[in-house]
Structures are given as structure tokens and as C-alpha cells.
Amino acid sequence: FFDGEIFWVQSKLVRPFSNGLSCAIVKSRSAKLYSKPSNRGSSEPVLVLDKYSPLRKLGRDDENETWVKVLTDLKIQAWIDESNIWIPSRNSQIRY
């Protein structure tokens, strides 16, 4: 989806974290975030984000690995289905 495209992001938002945290971007037109790693039943979305919204990846659900725990720029922790986000496979750093 984003392969081959170049985007510029402020380094303090995506620098490599020693504790294994990484960044993610919403790739779908909009994405619902939930308080639990499931959209079934009575679980209402906590938040709906637009395409290209930045996220910090915090971890995965042990039972269903398609759910990713994230932190928004508003400091809201929630769960999102992995199909709605893009997680970089490689980080590059340029120094001048």
C-alpha cells in the first residue's frame, strides 16, 4: 500500500525505541479503535481515526494476533485491527 512511497515524519515521533515500541499509520479511509481487542458484541469504538493518522504500536493481543494495541497522539490507548494500519518494516535515519 505504501511501498515505494516516501513520507517525512518528525523524528521524535518515530525514533527507534529500546523497549520494542514502534510507529504505525492508519492506511484505511477511517479506522475504529476499541477498548478491547474485539469489534464483536456490544463493544463500541472508543475513537475513529482518519487515514494517515499516526500511532505508536504498544503490542499485540495474545489470543488474536490481528489486534494491535496502540497509543494515539491524544495519549489514548486502544486496540485496532491490523488490517487498518501500516507498520514500517524498516526505519532509516539521516544525519546532516
C-alpha atoms as a PDB file:
ATOM      1  CA  PHE A   1       0.000   0.000   0.000  1.00  0.00           C
ATOM      2  CA  PHE A   2       2.717   2.488   0.958  1.00  0.00           C
ATOM      3  CA  ASP A   3       5.621   0.536  -0.573  1.00  0.00           C
ATOM      4  CA  GLY A   4       7.796   2.741  -2.730  1.00  0.00           C
ATOM      5  CA  GLU A   5       6.284   5.967  -1.455  1.00  0.00           C
ATOM      6  CA  ILE A   6       8.318   8.453   0.603  1.00  0.00           C
ATOM      7  CA  PHE A   7       6.852  10.253   3.596  1.00  0.00           C
ATOM      8  CA  TRP A   8       8.522  12.679   6.001  1.00  0.00           C
ATOM      9  CA  VAL A   9       7.810  12.338   9.702  1.00  0.00           C
ATOM     10  CA  GLN A  10       9.190  14.291  12.633  1.00  0.00           C
ATOM     11  CA  SER A  11      11.929  12.110  14.145  1.00  0.00           C
ATOM     12  CA  LYS A  12      10.817  12.437  17.769  1.00  0.00           C
ATOM     13  CA  LEU A  13       7.556  10.696  16.819  1.00  0.00           C
ATOM     14  CA  VAL A  14       9.106   7.576  15.273  1.00  0.00           C
ATOM     15  CA  ARG A  15      12.659   7.172  16.544  1.00  0.00           C
ATOM     16  CA  PRO A  16      13.565   3.585  17.405  1.00  0.00           C
ATOM     17  CA  PHE A  17      12.588   2.659  20.929  1.00  0.00           C
ATOM     18  CA  SER A  18      14.801   0.436  23.063  1.00  0.00           C
ATOM     19  CA  ASN A  19      11.748  -1.239  24.611  1.00  0.00           C
ATOM     20  CA  GLY A  20      10.442  -2.562  21.271  1.00  0.00           C
ATOM     21  CA  LEU A  21       7.802   0.094  20.589  1.00  0.00           C
ATOM     22  CA  SER A  22       7.327   1.243  17.021  1.00  0.00           C
ATOM     23  CA  CYS A  23       5.118   3.507  14.951  1.00  0.00           C
ATOM     24  CA  ALA A  24       2.139   2.773  12.714  1.00  0.00           C
ATOM     25  CA  ILE A  25      -0.053   4.749  10.322  1.00  0.00           C
ATOM     26  CA  VAL A  26      -3.768   4.341   9.573  1.00  0.00           C
ATOM     27  CA  LYS A  27      -3.957   3.110   5.960  1.00  0.00           C
ATOM     28  CA  SER A  28      -7.720   2.734   5.543  1.00  0.00           C
ATOM     29  CA  ARG A  29     -10.044   5.673   4.876  1.00  0.00           C
ATOM     30  CA  SER A  30     -11.036   5.565   8.545  1.00  0.00           C
ATOM     31  CA  ALA A  31     -10.312   3.141  11.368  1.00  0.00           C
ATOM     32  CA  LYS A  32     -12.176   2.357  14.581  1.00  0.00           C
ATOM     33  CA  LEU A  33     -10.275   1.929  17.839  1.00  0.00           C
ATOM     34  CA  TYR A  34     -11.724  -0.215  20.620  1.00  0.00           C
ATOM     35  CA  SER A  35     -11.190  -0.567  24.366  1.00  0.00           C
ATOM     36  CA  LYS A  36     -10.830  -4.367  23.947  1.00  0.00           C
ATOM     37  CA  PRO A  37      -9.255  -6.403  21.135  1.00  0.00           C
ATOM     38  CA  SER A  38     -12.596  -7.231  19.516  1.00  0.00           C
ATOM     39  CA  ASN A  39     -15.271  -5.454  17.495  1.00  0.00           C
ATOM     40  CA  ARG A  40     -17.899  -8.131  18.179  1.00  0.00           C
ATOM     41  CA  GLY A  41     -20.775  -7.825  20.599  1.00  0.00           C
ATOM     42  CA  SER A  42     -21.532  -4.600  22.380  1.00  0.00           C
ATOM     43  CA  SER A  43     -18.062  -3.113  22.089  1.00  0.00           C
ATOM     44  CA  GLU A  44     -18.450   0.464  20.852  1.00  0.00           C
ATOM     45  CA  PRO A  45     -15.492   2.253  19.239  1.00  0.00           C
ATOM     46  CA  VAL A  46     -13.504   4.493  21.563  1.00  0.00           C
ATOM     47  CA  LEU A  47     -12.333   6.648  18.685  1.00  0.00           C
ATOM     48  CA  VAL A  48     -12.424   6.787  14.889  1.00  0.00           C
ATOM     49  CA  LEU A  49      -9.260   7.953  13.130  1.00  0.00           C
ATOM     50  CA  ASP A  50      -8.744   9.278   9.603  1.00  0.00           C
ATOM     51  CA  LYS A  51      -6.308   7.955   7.035  1.00  0.00           C
ATOM     52  CA  TYR A  52      -2.628   8.769   7.769  1.00  0.00           C
ATOM     53  CA  SER A  53      -3.230   9.279  11.499  1.00  0.00           C
ATOM     54  CA  PRO A  54      -0.020   8.429  13.407  1.00  0.00           C
ATOM     55  CA  LEU A  55       0.021   5.754  16.105  1.00  0.00           C
ATOM     56  CA  ARG A  56       2.568   4.224  18.439  1.00  0.00           C
ATOM     57  CA  LYS A  57       2.421   0.423  18.464  1.00  0.00           C
ATOM     58  CA  LEU A  58       2.431  -0.929  22.031  1.00  0.00           C
ATOM     59  CA  GLY A  59       1.887  -4.661  21.491  1.00  0.00           C
ATOM     60  CA  ARG A  60      -0.406  -7.440  20.259  1.00  0.00           C
ATOM     61  CA  ASP A  61      -3.251  -9.476  21.706  1.00  0.00           C
ATOM     62  CA  ASP A  62      -2.025 -12.876  22.903  1.00  0.00           C
ATOM     63  CA  GLU A  63      -5.196 -14.692  21.799  1.00  0.00           C
ATOM     64  CA  ASN A  64      -5.827 -12.968  18.466  1.00  0.00           C
ATOM     65  CA  GLU A  65      -2.696 -11.582  16.842  1.00  0.00           C
ATOM     66  CA  THR A  66      -4.627  -9.497  14.313  1.00  0.00           C
ATOM     67  CA  TRP A  67      -5.326  -6.931  17.056  1.00  0.00           C
ATOM     68  CA  VAL A  68      -2.657  -4.339  17.865  1.00  0.00           C
ATOM     69  CA  LYS A  69      -2.596  -2.152  20.989  1.00  0.00           C
ATOM     70  CA  VAL A  70      -1.751   1.442  20.064  1.00  0.00           C
ATOM     71  CA  LEU A  71      -1.306   4.882  21.592  1.00  0.00           C
ATOM     72  CA  THR A  72      -2.716   7.891  19.725  1.00  0.00           C
ATOM     73  CA  ASP A  73      -1.236  11.382  19.641  1.00  0.00           C
ATOM     74  CA  LEU A  74      -4.018  12.287  22.107  1.00  0.00           C
ATOM     75  CA  LYS A  75      -2.488   9.763  24.574  1.00  0.00           C
ATOM     76  CA  ILE A  76      -5.448   7.362  24.195  1.00  0.00           C
ATOM     77  CA  GLN A  77      -4.573   3.667  24.446  1.00  0.00           C
ATOM     78  CA  ALA A  78      -6.839   1.417  22.381  1.00  0.00           C
ATOM     79  CA  TRP A  79      -6.972  -1.638  20.114  1.00  0.00           C
ATOM     80  CA  ILE A  80      -7.091  -1.614  16.304  1.00  0.00           C
ATOM     81  CA  ASP A  81      -7.363  -4.408  13.761  1.00  0.00           C
ATOM     82  CA  GLU A  82      -4.035  -4.795  11.973  1.00  0.00           C
ATOM     83  CA  SER A  83      -5.720  -4.679   8.557  1.00  0.00           C
ATOM     84  CA  ASN A  84      -6.357  -0.945   9.140  1.00  0.00           C
ATOM     85  CA  ILE A  85      -2.747   0.071   9.784  1.00  0.00           C
ATOM     86  CA  TRP A  86       0.634   0.099   8.102  1.00  0.00           C
ATOM     87  CA  ILE A  87       3.664  -0.713  10.243  1.00  0.00           C
ATOM     88  CA  PRO A  88       7.046   0.175   8.720  1.00  0.00           C
ATOM     89  CA  SER A  89       9.287  -2.798   8.132  1.00  0.00           C
ATOM     90  CA  ARG A  90      12.429  -0.679   8.180  1.00  0.00           C
ATOM     91  CA  ASN A  91      13.463   2.566   9.839  1.00  0.00           C
ATOM     92  CA  SER A  92      16.117   4.817   8.308  1.00  0.00           C
ATOM     93  CA  GLN A  93      17.890   7.726   9.898  1.00  0.00           C
ATOM     94  CA  ILE A  94      19.614  10.534   8.024  1.00  0.00           C
ATOM     95  CA  ARG A  95      22.150  12.789   9.703  1.00  0.00           C
ATOM     96  CA  TYR A  96      23.417  16.037   8.225  1.00  0.00           C
END
